[in-house]
Structure formats: structure tokens, C-alpha cells
Amino acid sequence: MTDPRKRAAANQLAASVQAALPPGLSQPALRAFASAGYTRLAQFARVSDTALLKLHGVGPKAIHIIRAALRARGKLKE
């Protein structure tokens, strides 16, 4: 993303979901989640790791952070 206006809009979108998601997620992961419509942690309980890894900016570390937060809240069925 080279257009500064697009980058600013993407960062604003990421900031809008940052408070609802666990700390430690990178900006690229936050942008990817926000762009895909993931705005609450509970939404991730119904999504496979494979599907999340297809999002540009999401890697194994982001998946681990999300899954650990879901486990801590008792919302992850394994």
C-alpha cells in the first residue's frame, strides 16, 4: 500500500478494533482483521486458523495471540 491516504485510512480502521482485540497484535494484523470485518474477539472462535492465515498481514504469532486470548476467556472449543 503506497498511497498515504489509503495507509492512513487502513491505520484508522485498525485503531478502531485495537481496543476490542488482545494486546500484542501487529498493525498489519490489526488492519487485516479490521478489513475482513473482525471487530470482536468472540468472532474468532468460529474461524479456522487456515482462514485467518489467508489474510495478508496475519501470521502464526497473531493466531497464537488470538487463540490464547480466547482460551483465557473460555471461548475456544478445542
C-alpha atoms as a PDB file:
ATOM      1  CA  MET A   1       0.000   0.000   0.000  1.00  0.00           C
ATOM      2  CA  THR A   2       1.859   3.069  -1.204  1.00  0.00           C
ATOM      3  CA  ASP A   3      -0.870   5.688  -1.229  1.00  0.00           C
ATOM      4  CA  PRO A   4      -0.558   7.669   2.038  1.00  0.00           C
ATOM      5  CA  ARG A   5      -4.309   8.293   2.133  1.00  0.00           C
ATOM      6  CA  LYS A   6      -5.059   4.576   1.852  1.00  0.00           C
ATOM      7  CA  ARG A   7      -2.472   3.791   4.535  1.00  0.00           C
ATOM      8  CA  ALA A   8      -3.986   6.416   6.859  1.00  0.00           C
ATOM      9  CA  ALA A   9      -7.481   5.029   6.297  1.00  0.00           C
ATOM     10  CA  ALA A  10      -6.256   1.474   6.943  1.00  0.00           C
ATOM     11  CA  ASN A  11      -4.494   2.573  10.132  1.00  0.00           C
ATOM     12  CA  GLN A  12      -7.642   4.348  11.315  1.00  0.00           C
ATOM     13  CA  LEU A  13      -9.639   1.175  10.680  1.00  0.00           C
ATOM     14  CA  ALA A  14      -7.061  -0.854  12.635  1.00  0.00           C
ATOM     15  CA  ALA A  15      -7.232   1.603  15.531  1.00  0.00           C
ATOM     16  CA  SER A  16     -10.991   1.175  15.645  1.00  0.00           C
ATOM     17  CA  VAL A  17     -10.655  -2.527  16.553  1.00  0.00           C
ATOM     18  CA  GLN A  18      -7.449  -2.419  18.591  1.00  0.00           C
ATOM     19  CA  ALA A  19      -9.197  -1.938  21.954  1.00  0.00           C
ATOM     20  CA  ALA A  20     -11.510  -4.912  21.333  1.00  0.00           C
ATOM     21  CA  LEU A  21      -8.685  -7.319  20.471  1.00  0.00           C
ATOM     22  CA  PRO A  22      -5.869  -8.631  22.671  1.00  0.00           C
ATOM     23  CA  PRO A  23      -2.664  -6.613  23.073  1.00  0.00           C
ATOM     24  CA  GLY A  24       0.419  -7.603  21.130  1.00  0.00           C
ATOM     25  CA  LEU A  25      -1.128  -7.822  17.670  1.00  0.00           C
ATOM     26  CA  SER A  26       0.879  -6.087  14.949  1.00  0.00           C
ATOM     27  CA  GLN A  27      -0.504  -3.207  12.907  1.00  0.00           C
ATOM     28  CA  PRO A  28      -0.625  -5.353   9.749  1.00  0.00           C
ATOM     29  CA  ALA A  29      -2.654  -7.997  11.597  1.00  0.00           C
ATOM     30  CA  LEU A  30      -5.000  -5.378  13.061  1.00  0.00           C
ATOM     31  CA  ARG A  31      -5.523  -3.859   9.608  1.00  0.00           C
ATOM     32  CA  ALA A  32      -6.198  -7.294   8.124  1.00  0.00           C
ATOM     33  CA  PHE A  33      -8.700  -8.226  10.834  1.00  0.00           C
ATOM     34  CA  ALA A  34     -10.496  -4.886  10.626  1.00  0.00           C
ATOM     35  CA  SER A  35     -10.657  -5.020   6.826  1.00  0.00           C
ATOM     36  CA  ALA A  36     -12.100  -8.528   6.995  1.00  0.00           C
ATOM     37  CA  GLY A  37     -14.782  -7.376   9.445  1.00  0.00           C
ATOM     38  CA  TYR A  38     -13.422  -8.925  12.641  1.00  0.00           C
ATOM     39  CA  THR A  39     -14.242  -6.348  15.299  1.00  0.00           C
ATOM     40  CA  ARG A  40     -14.708  -8.513  18.410  1.00  0.00           C
ATOM     41  CA  LEU A  41     -12.596 -11.297  19.901  1.00  0.00           C
ATOM     42  CA  ALA A  42     -15.540 -13.707  20.080  1.00  0.00           C
ATOM     43  CA  GLN A  43     -15.808 -13.699  16.282  1.00  0.00           C
ATOM     44  CA  PHE A  44     -12.505 -15.571  16.029  1.00  0.00           C
ATOM     45  CA  ALA A  45     -13.885 -18.622  17.845  1.00  0.00           C
ATOM     46  CA  ARG A  46     -15.804 -19.542  14.684  1.00  0.00           C
ATOM     47  CA  VAL A  47     -12.941 -19.024  12.219  1.00  0.00           C
ATOM     48  CA  SER A  48     -10.255 -21.563  11.347  1.00  0.00           C
ATOM     49  CA  ASP A  49      -6.559 -20.798  11.588  1.00  0.00           C
ATOM     50  CA  THR A  50      -6.276 -21.585   7.885  1.00  0.00           C
ATOM     51  CA  ALA A  51      -8.842 -18.928   7.005  1.00  0.00           C
ATOM     52  CA  LEU A  52      -7.123 -16.328   9.181  1.00  0.00           C
ATOM     53  CA  LEU A  53      -3.696 -17.100   7.750  1.00  0.00           C
ATOM     54  CA  LYS A  54      -5.033 -16.281   4.289  1.00  0.00           C
ATOM     55  CA  LEU A  55      -5.426 -12.655   5.366  1.00  0.00           C
ATOM     56  CA  HIS A  56      -2.482 -10.516   4.268  1.00  0.00           C
ATOM     57  CA  GLY A  57      -0.648  -9.373   7.395  1.00  0.00           C
ATOM     58  CA  VAL A  58      -1.700 -12.283   9.621  1.00  0.00           C
ATOM     59  CA  GLY A  59       0.875 -14.839  10.673  1.00  0.00           C
ATOM     60  CA  PRO A  60       1.347 -17.548  13.294  1.00  0.00           C
ATOM     61  CA  LYS A  61       2.094 -15.034  16.062  1.00  0.00           C
ATOM     62  CA  ALA A  62      -1.248 -13.244  15.561  1.00  0.00           C
ATOM     63  CA  ILE A  63      -3.069 -16.589  15.542  1.00  0.00           C
ATOM     64  CA  HIS A  64      -1.343 -17.595  18.793  1.00  0.00           C
ATOM     65  CA  ILE A  65      -2.302 -14.298  20.466  1.00  0.00           C
ATOM     66  CA  ILE A  66      -5.933 -14.602  19.369  1.00  0.00           C
ATOM     67  CA  ARG A  67      -6.237 -18.267  20.405  1.00  0.00           C
ATOM     68  CA  ALA A  68      -4.573 -17.641  23.791  1.00  0.00           C
ATOM     69  CA  ALA A  69      -6.994 -14.778  24.496  1.00  0.00           C
ATOM     70  CA  LEU A  70      -9.964 -16.956  23.550  1.00  0.00           C
ATOM     71  CA  ARG A  71      -8.709 -19.782  25.797  1.00  0.00           C
ATOM     72  CA  ALA A  72      -8.253 -17.360  28.703  1.00  0.00           C
ATOM     73  CA  ARG A  73     -11.876 -16.277  28.334  1.00  0.00           C
ATOM     74  CA  GLY A  74     -13.181 -19.817  27.944  1.00  0.00           C
ATOM     75  CA  LYS A  75     -14.425 -19.158  24.423  1.00  0.00           C
ATOM     76  CA  LEU A  76     -12.256 -21.586  22.491  1.00  0.00           C
ATOM     77  CA  LYS A  77     -13.531 -25.083  21.884  1.00  0.00           C
ATOM     78  CA  GLU A  78     -10.690 -27.384  21.024  1.00  0.00           C
END
